[in-house]
C-alpha atoms as a PDB file:
ATOM      1  CA  MET A   1     -80.899 -38.432-130.102  1.00  0.00           C
ATOM      2  CA  MET A   2     -84.483 -39.553-130.647  1.00  0.00           C
ATOM      3  CA  THR A   3     -85.514 -43.095-131.423  1.00  0.00           C
ATOM      4  CA  HIS A   4     -87.289 -44.138-134.593  1.00  0.00           C
ATOM      5  CA  LEU A   5     -90.429 -44.935-132.594  1.00  0.00           C
ATOM      6  CA  GLU A   6     -90.406 -41.524-130.860  1.00  0.00           C
ATOM      7  CA  ALA A   7     -90.099 -39.825-134.248  1.00  0.00           C
ATOM      8  CA  LEU A   8     -93.066 -41.781-135.637  1.00  0.00           C
ATOM      9  CA  LYS A   9     -95.267 -41.047-132.623  1.00  0.00           C
ATOM     10  CA  VAL A  10     -94.831 -37.336-133.358  1.00  0.00           C
ATOM     11  CA  VAL A  11     -95.872 -37.924-136.974  1.00  0.00           C
ATOM     12  CA  ALA A  12     -98.982 -39.799-135.806  1.00  0.00           C
ATOM     13  CA  ALA A  13     -99.937 -37.000-133.437  1.00  0.00           C
ATOM     14  CA  ASN A  14     -99.661 -34.393-136.219  1.00  0.00           C
ATOM     15  CA  ARG A  15    -100.780 -36.182-139.393  1.00  0.00           C
ATOM     16  CA  THR A  16    -104.263 -34.582-139.548  1.00  0.00           C
ATOM     17  CA  ASP A  17    -106.172 -36.285-142.414  1.00  0.00           C
ATOM     18  CA  ARG A  18    -103.102 -37.075-144.482  1.00  0.00           C
ATOM     19  CA  VAL A  19    -102.264 -40.414-146.002  1.00  0.00           C
ATOM     20  CA  VAL A  20     -99.124 -41.921-144.459  1.00  0.00           C
ATOM     21  CA  VAL A  21     -96.903 -44.089-146.658  1.00  0.00           C
ATOM     22  CA  THR A  22     -94.408 -46.125-144.661  1.00  0.00           C
ATOM     23  CA  THR A  23     -91.316 -47.806-146.074  1.00  0.00           C
ATOM     24  CA  MET A  24     -88.750 -50.292-144.752  1.00  0.00           C
ATOM     25  CA  GLY A  25     -88.101 -49.896-140.990  1.00  0.00           C
ATOM     26  CA  SER A  26     -91.145 -47.693-140.437  1.00  0.00           C
ATOM     27  CA  VAL A  27     -93.391 -50.495-141.747  1.00  0.00           C
ATOM     28  CA  GLY A  28     -92.501 -52.548-138.676  1.00  0.00           C
ATOM     29  CA  LEU A  29     -93.261 -49.759-136.195  1.00  0.00           C
ATOM     30  CA  TRP A  30     -96.193 -47.799-137.624  1.00  0.00           C
ATOM     31  CA  PRO A  31     -98.960 -50.435-137.196  1.00  0.00           C
ATOM     32  CA  ALA A  32     -98.536 -50.255-133.397  1.00  0.00           C
ATOM     33  CA  ILE A  33     -99.194 -46.493-133.604  1.00  0.00           C
ATOM     34  CA  SER A  34    -101.892 -46.276-136.280  1.00  0.00           C
ATOM     35  CA  ASP A  35    -104.264 -48.586-138.108  1.00  0.00           C
ATOM     36  CA  SER A  36    -106.079 -46.198-140.417  1.00  0.00           C
ATOM     37  CA  PRO A  37    -107.343 -46.857-143.947  1.00  0.00           C
ATOM     38  CA  LYS A  38    -105.084 -43.901-144.810  1.00  0.00           C
ATOM     39  CA  ASP A  39    -101.982 -45.917-143.836  1.00  0.00           C
ATOM     40  CA  PHE A  40    -100.165 -47.609-146.701  1.00  0.00           C
ATOM     41  CA  HIS A  41     -97.211 -49.895-145.993  1.00  0.00           C
ATOM     42  CA  TYR A  42     -94.925 -50.028-149.016  1.00  0.00           C
ATOM     43  CA  LEU A  43     -92.258 -52.757-149.105  1.00  0.00           C
ATOM     44  CA  PRO A  44     -91.231 -52.905-152.739  1.00  0.00           C
ATOM     45  CA  SER A  45     -88.565 -55.092-154.235  1.00  0.00           C
ATOM     46  CA  SER A  46     -86.501 -51.945-154.821  1.00  0.00           C
ATOM     47  CA  MET A  47     -85.827 -49.306-152.189  1.00  0.00           C
ATOM     48  CA  GLY A  48     -86.298 -45.613-152.871  1.00  0.00           C
ATOM     49  CA  GLN A  49     -89.768 -45.698-154.386  1.00  0.00           C
ATOM     50  CA  GLY A  50     -91.834 -44.408-151.433  1.00  0.00           C
ATOM     51  CA  VAL A  51     -91.434 -40.727-152.343  1.00  0.00           C
ATOM     52  CA  PRO A  52     -92.493 -41.252-155.990  1.00  0.00           C
ATOM     53  CA  LEU A  53     -95.502 -43.241-154.733  1.00  0.00           C
ATOM     54  CA  GLY A  54     -96.438 -40.346-152.429  1.00  0.00           C
ATOM     55  CA  LEU A  55     -96.109 -37.849-155.281  1.00  0.00           C
ATOM     56  CA  GLY A  56     -98.314 -40.039-157.460  1.00  0.00           C
ATOM     57  CA  LEU A  57    -100.975 -40.153-154.737  1.00  0.00           C
ATOM     58  CA  CYS A  58    -100.915 -36.354-154.451  1.00  0.00           C
ATOM     59  CA  LEU A  59    -101.201 -35.911-158.214  1.00  0.00           C
ATOM     60  CA  SER A  60    -103.987 -38.489-158.596  1.00  0.00           C
ATOM     61  CA  LYS A  61    -106.173 -36.916-155.908  1.00  0.00           C
ATOM     62  CA  PRO A  62    -105.534 -33.154-155.810  1.00  0.00           C
ATOM     63  CA  GLY A  63    -105.720 -31.703-152.332  1.00  0.00           C
ATOM     64  CA  GLN A  64    -105.092 -35.007-150.557  1.00  0.00           C
ATOM     65  CA  GLY A  65    -102.059 -34.537-148.350  1.00  0.00           C
ATOM     66  CA  VAL A  66     -99.497 -37.325-148.102  1.00  0.00           C
ATOM     67  CA  ILE A  67     -96.676 -37.993-145.653  1.00  0.00           C
ATOM     68  CA  VAL A  68     -93.951 -40.387-146.800  1.00  0.00           C
ATOM     69  CA  LEU A  69     -91.713 -41.975-144.182  1.00  0.00           C
ATOM     70  CA  THR A  70     -88.513 -42.977-145.950  1.00  0.00           C
ATOM     71  CA  GLY A  71     -85.071 -44.020-144.791  1.00  0.00           C
ATOM     72  CA  ASP A  72     -81.660 -42.586-145.584  1.00  0.00           C
ATOM     73  CA  GLY A  73     -80.594 -45.667-147.542  1.00  0.00           C
ATOM     74  CA  GLY A  74     -83.768 -45.679-149.618  1.00  0.00           C
ATOM     75  CA  LEU A  75     -83.557 -41.974-150.373  1.00  0.00           C
ATOM     76  CA  LEU A  76     -79.944 -42.326-151.485  1.00  0.00           C
ATOM     77  CA  MET A  77     -81.085 -44.941-153.994  1.00  0.00           C
ATOM     78  CA  ASN A  78     -83.383 -42.417-155.662  1.00  0.00           C
ATOM     79  CA  LEU A  79     -82.178 -38.871-154.953  1.00  0.00           C
ATOM     80  CA  GLY A  80     -83.607 -37.700-158.272  1.00  0.00           C
ATOM     81  CA  CYS A  81     -87.100 -37.994-156.804  1.00  0.00           C
ATOM     82  CA  LEU A  82     -86.439 -34.795-154.824  1.00  0.00           C
ATOM     83  CA  VAL A  83     -85.966 -32.798-158.040  1.00  0.00           C
ATOM     84  CA  THR A  84     -89.157 -34.305-159.462  1.00  0.00           C
ATOM     85  CA  VAL A  85     -91.152 -33.488-156.307  1.00  0.00           C
ATOM     86  CA  ALA A  86     -89.903 -29.888-156.358  1.00  0.00           C
ATOM     87  CA  GLN A  87     -91.531 -29.386-159.776  1.00  0.00           C
ATOM     88  CA  HIS A  88     -95.018 -29.814-158.300  1.00  0.00           C
ATOM     89  CA  ARG A  89     -97.100 -27.766-155.885  1.00  0.00           C
ATOM     90  CA  VAL A  90     -98.557 -30.648-153.917  1.00  0.00           C
ATOM     91  CA  PRO A  91     -99.184 -31.290-150.202  1.00  0.00           C
ATOM     92  CA  LEU A  92     -96.410 -33.881-149.885  1.00  0.00           C
ATOM     93  CA  ALA A  93     -94.382 -34.085-146.685  1.00  0.00           C
ATOM     94  CA  ILE A  94     -91.244 -36.194-146.994  1.00  0.00           C
ATOM     95  CA  VAL A  95     -89.967 -37.356-143.608  1.00  0.00           C
ATOM     96  CA  LEU A  96     -86.483 -38.818-143.765  1.00  0.00           C
ATOM     97  CA  ILE A  97     -85.672 -41.244-140.962  1.00  0.00           C
ATOM     98  CA  ASP A  98     -81.862 -41.129-140.913  1.00  0.00           C
ATOM     99  CA  ASN A  99     -80.343 -43.829-138.737  1.00  0.00           C
ATOM    100  CA  GLY A 100     -77.127 -44.200-140.741  1.00  0.00           C
ATOM    101  CA  LEU A 101     -77.853 -47.896-141.369  1.00  0.00           C
ATOM    102  CA  TYR A 102     -79.520 -50.243-143.773  1.00  0.00           C
ATOM    103  CA  GLU A 103     -81.238 -51.350-140.620  1.00  0.00           C
ATOM    104  CA  VAL A 104     -83.581 -54.037-141.949  1.00  0.00           C
ATOM    105  CA  THR A 105     -81.139 -55.633-144.396  1.00  0.00           C
ATOM    106  CA  GLY A 106     -78.403 -56.464-141.922  1.00  0.00           C
ATOM    107  CA  GLY A 107     -77.385 -53.222-140.244  1.00  0.00           C
ATOM    108  CA  GLN A 108     -74.741 -52.211-142.777  1.00  0.00           C
ATOM    109  CA  GLU A 109     -73.663 -48.568-142.638  1.00  0.00           C
ATOM    110  CA  VAL A 110     -75.214 -46.362-145.325  1.00  0.00           C
ATOM    111  CA  ALA A 111     -72.676 -44.755-147.677  1.00  0.00           C
ATOM    112  CA  GLY A 112     -71.890 -41.290-146.347  1.00  0.00           C
ATOM    113  CA  ALA A 113     -73.512 -42.007-142.969  1.00  0.00           C
ATOM    114  CA  GLY A 114     -73.048 -39.008-140.696  1.00  0.00           C
ATOM    115  CA  ARG A 115     -71.491 -36.968-143.516  1.00  0.00           C
ATOM    116  CA  THR A 116     -74.327 -36.513-146.021  1.00  0.00           C
ATOM    117  CA  ASP A 117     -76.199 -33.226-145.635  1.00  0.00           C
ATOM    118  CA  PHE A 118     -79.718 -34.276-146.592  1.00  0.00           C
ATOM    119  CA  ALA A 119     -81.113 -30.787-145.907  1.00  0.00           C
ATOM    120  CA  ALA A 120     -78.688 -29.309-148.442  1.00  0.00           C
ATOM    121  CA  LEU A 121     -79.656 -32.005-150.960  1.00  0.00           C
ATOM    122  CA  ALA A 122     -83.375 -31.219-150.551  1.00  0.00           C
ATOM    123  CA  LYS A 123     -82.786 -27.455-150.824  1.00  0.00           C
ATOM    124  CA  GLY A 124     -80.534 -27.958-153.834  1.00  0.00           C
ATOM    125  CA  ALA A 125     -83.263 -30.025-155.496  1.00  0.00           C
ATOM    126  CA  GLY A 126     -85.623 -27.068-155.136  1.00  0.00           C
ATOM    127  CA  ILE A 127     -87.768 -28.016-152.157  1.00  0.00           C
ATOM    128  CA  GLY A 128     -88.557 -24.757-150.408  1.00  0.00           C
ATOM    129  CA  ARG A 129     -89.501 -25.963-146.929  1.00  0.00           C
ATOM    130  CA  VAL A 130     -86.684 -27.995-145.397  1.00  0.00           C
ATOM    131  CA  PHE A 131     -86.276 -28.855-141.712  1.00  0.00           C
ATOM    132  CA  ALA A 132     -83.894 -30.949-139.588  1.00  0.00           C
ATOM    133  CA  PHE A 133     -84.240 -32.312-136.049  1.00  0.00           C
ATOM    134  CA  ASP A 134     -82.381 -34.749-133.834  1.00  0.00           C
ATOM    135  CA  ILE A 135     -84.062 -33.979-130.507  1.00  0.00           C
ATOM    136  CA  VAL A 136     -87.600 -35.238-130.013  1.00  0.00           C
ATOM    137  CA  ALA A 137     -88.778 -32.104-128.141  1.00  0.00           C
ATOM    138  CA  ASP A 138     -87.730 -29.895-131.072  1.00  0.00           C
ATOM    139  CA  TRP A 139     -89.477 -32.225-133.519  1.00  0.00           C
ATOM    140  CA  GLN A 140     -92.648 -32.187-131.376  1.00  0.00           C
ATOM    141  CA  ALA A 141     -92.635 -28.382-131.247  1.00  0.00           C
ATOM    142  CA  ASN A 142     -92.346 -28.010-135.031  1.00  0.00           C
ATOM    143  CA  ALA A 143     -93.990 -31.101-136.531  1.00  0.00           C
ATOM    144  CA  ALA A 144     -97.376 -29.514-137.263  1.00  0.00           C
ATOM    145  CA  SER A 145     -95.869 -26.895-139.578  1.00  0.00           C
ATOM    146  CA  CYS A 146     -93.498 -29.431-141.179  1.00  0.00           C
ATOM    147  CA  LEU A 147     -96.263 -31.914-142.006  1.00  0.00           C
ATOM    148  CA  THR A 148     -98.880 -29.502-143.351  1.00  0.00           C
ATOM    149  CA  GLY A 149     -99.054 -27.005-146.192  1.00  0.00           C
ATOM    150  CA  ASP A 150     -99.955 -27.057-149.856  1.00  0.00           C
ATOM    151  CA  ASP A 151     -96.410 -27.427-151.143  1.00  0.00           C
ATOM    152  CA  PRO A 152     -93.719 -30.066-150.627  1.00  0.00           C
ATOM    153  CA  SER A 153     -91.721 -30.172-147.434  1.00  0.00           C
ATOM    154  CA  PHE A 154     -88.696 -32.212-146.425  1.00  0.00           C
ATOM    155  CA  THR A 155     -87.979 -33.066-142.797  1.00  0.00           C
ATOM    156  CA  TRP A 156     -84.710 -34.764-141.899  1.00  0.00           C
ATOM    157  CA  LEU A 157     -84.924 -36.657-138.601  1.00  0.00           C
ATOM    158  CA  LYS A 158     -81.726 -38.064-137.175  1.00  0.00           C
ATOM    159  CA  VAL A 159     -82.574 -41.127-135.103  1.00  0.00           C
ATOM    160  CA  ALA A 160     -80.571 -43.769-133.262  1.00  0.00           C
ATOM    161  CA  GLY A 161     -79.861 -46.832-135.387  1.00  0.00           C
ATOM    162  CA  GLU A 162     -80.508 -50.373-134.247  1.00  0.00           C
ATOM    163  CA  ARG A 163     -78.577 -53.345-135.557  1.00  0.00           C
ATOM    164  CA  GLY A 164     -79.969 -56.856-135.675  1.00  0.00           C
ATOM    165  CA  LYS A 165     -83.469 -55.973-136.873  1.00  0.00           C
ATOM    166  CA  SER A 166     -85.156 -58.143-139.451  1.00  0.00           C
ATOM    167  CA  THR A 167     -87.047 -56.968-142.511  1.00  0.00           C
ATOM    168  CA  PRO A 168     -90.606 -56.200-141.391  1.00  0.00           C
ATOM    169  CA  SER A 169     -93.760 -57.494-143.004  1.00  0.00           C
ATOM    170  CA  ALA A 170     -96.703 -55.305-143.841  1.00  0.00           C
ATOM    171  CA  PRO A 171     -99.635 -55.951-141.510  1.00  0.00           C
ATOM    172  CA  ARG A 172    -101.797 -56.881-144.523  1.00  0.00           C
ATOM    173  CA  PRO A 173    -101.036 -58.382-147.945  1.00  0.00           C
ATOM    174  CA  MET A 174    -100.697 -55.810-150.736  1.00  0.00           C
ATOM    175  CA  PRO A 175    -104.047 -56.623-152.439  1.00  0.00           C
ATOM    176  CA  GLU A 176    -105.845 -56.146-149.108  1.00  0.00           C
ATOM    177  CA  GLN A 177    -103.999 -52.879-148.452  1.00  0.00           C
ATOM    178  CA  ILE A 178    -104.933 -51.581-151.902  1.00  0.00           C
ATOM    179  CA  ALA A 179    -108.605 -52.533-151.453  1.00  0.00           C
ATOM    180  CA  ARG A 180    -108.749 -50.969-147.982  1.00  0.00           C
ATOM    181  CA  PHE A 181    -106.954 -47.847-149.146  1.00  0.00           C
ATOM    182  CA  SER A 182    -109.236 -47.468-152.180  1.00  0.00           C
ATOM    183  CA  LYS A 183    -112.352 -47.472-149.974  1.00  0.00           C
ATOM    184  CA  ARG A 184    -111.180 -44.593-147.808  1.00  0.00           C
END
């Protein structure tokens, strides 16, 4: 099974000119891989809002591709966002990092961990391009097609969970991130 960091390195290598929105655990890892004005680290007070933020970015700037890195716990808190995304032809790539844990809030097991079929949920919501990988070599071989395109895609990555991690901090305060992002 791939690690979270291995999964993110593949995203970085295949992102092209897309904006990358990180949430929760990915916020702590992504800055070591990329420090682009097109990186936005989103740590809201409520989980599950990264995908709607990515959709909003796509809708506000037509043609700008966005990759959202979200976790299984966060996605479960807002499954309806998949149905909303499926209603739009936008270049939004949702990358689900499924470690089976609320990793940064204490390592509690996510409800349905190991039993929830996220690919079936995305397909059932109406997303046409759905992929799943748990081996890094397979993810590397297919990432370019998963992360590009003019319509939404959903990629489910099963990664090894790590207990004992603390909640990460964004590398910059939100006002600075917004100002930097706006100048891109």
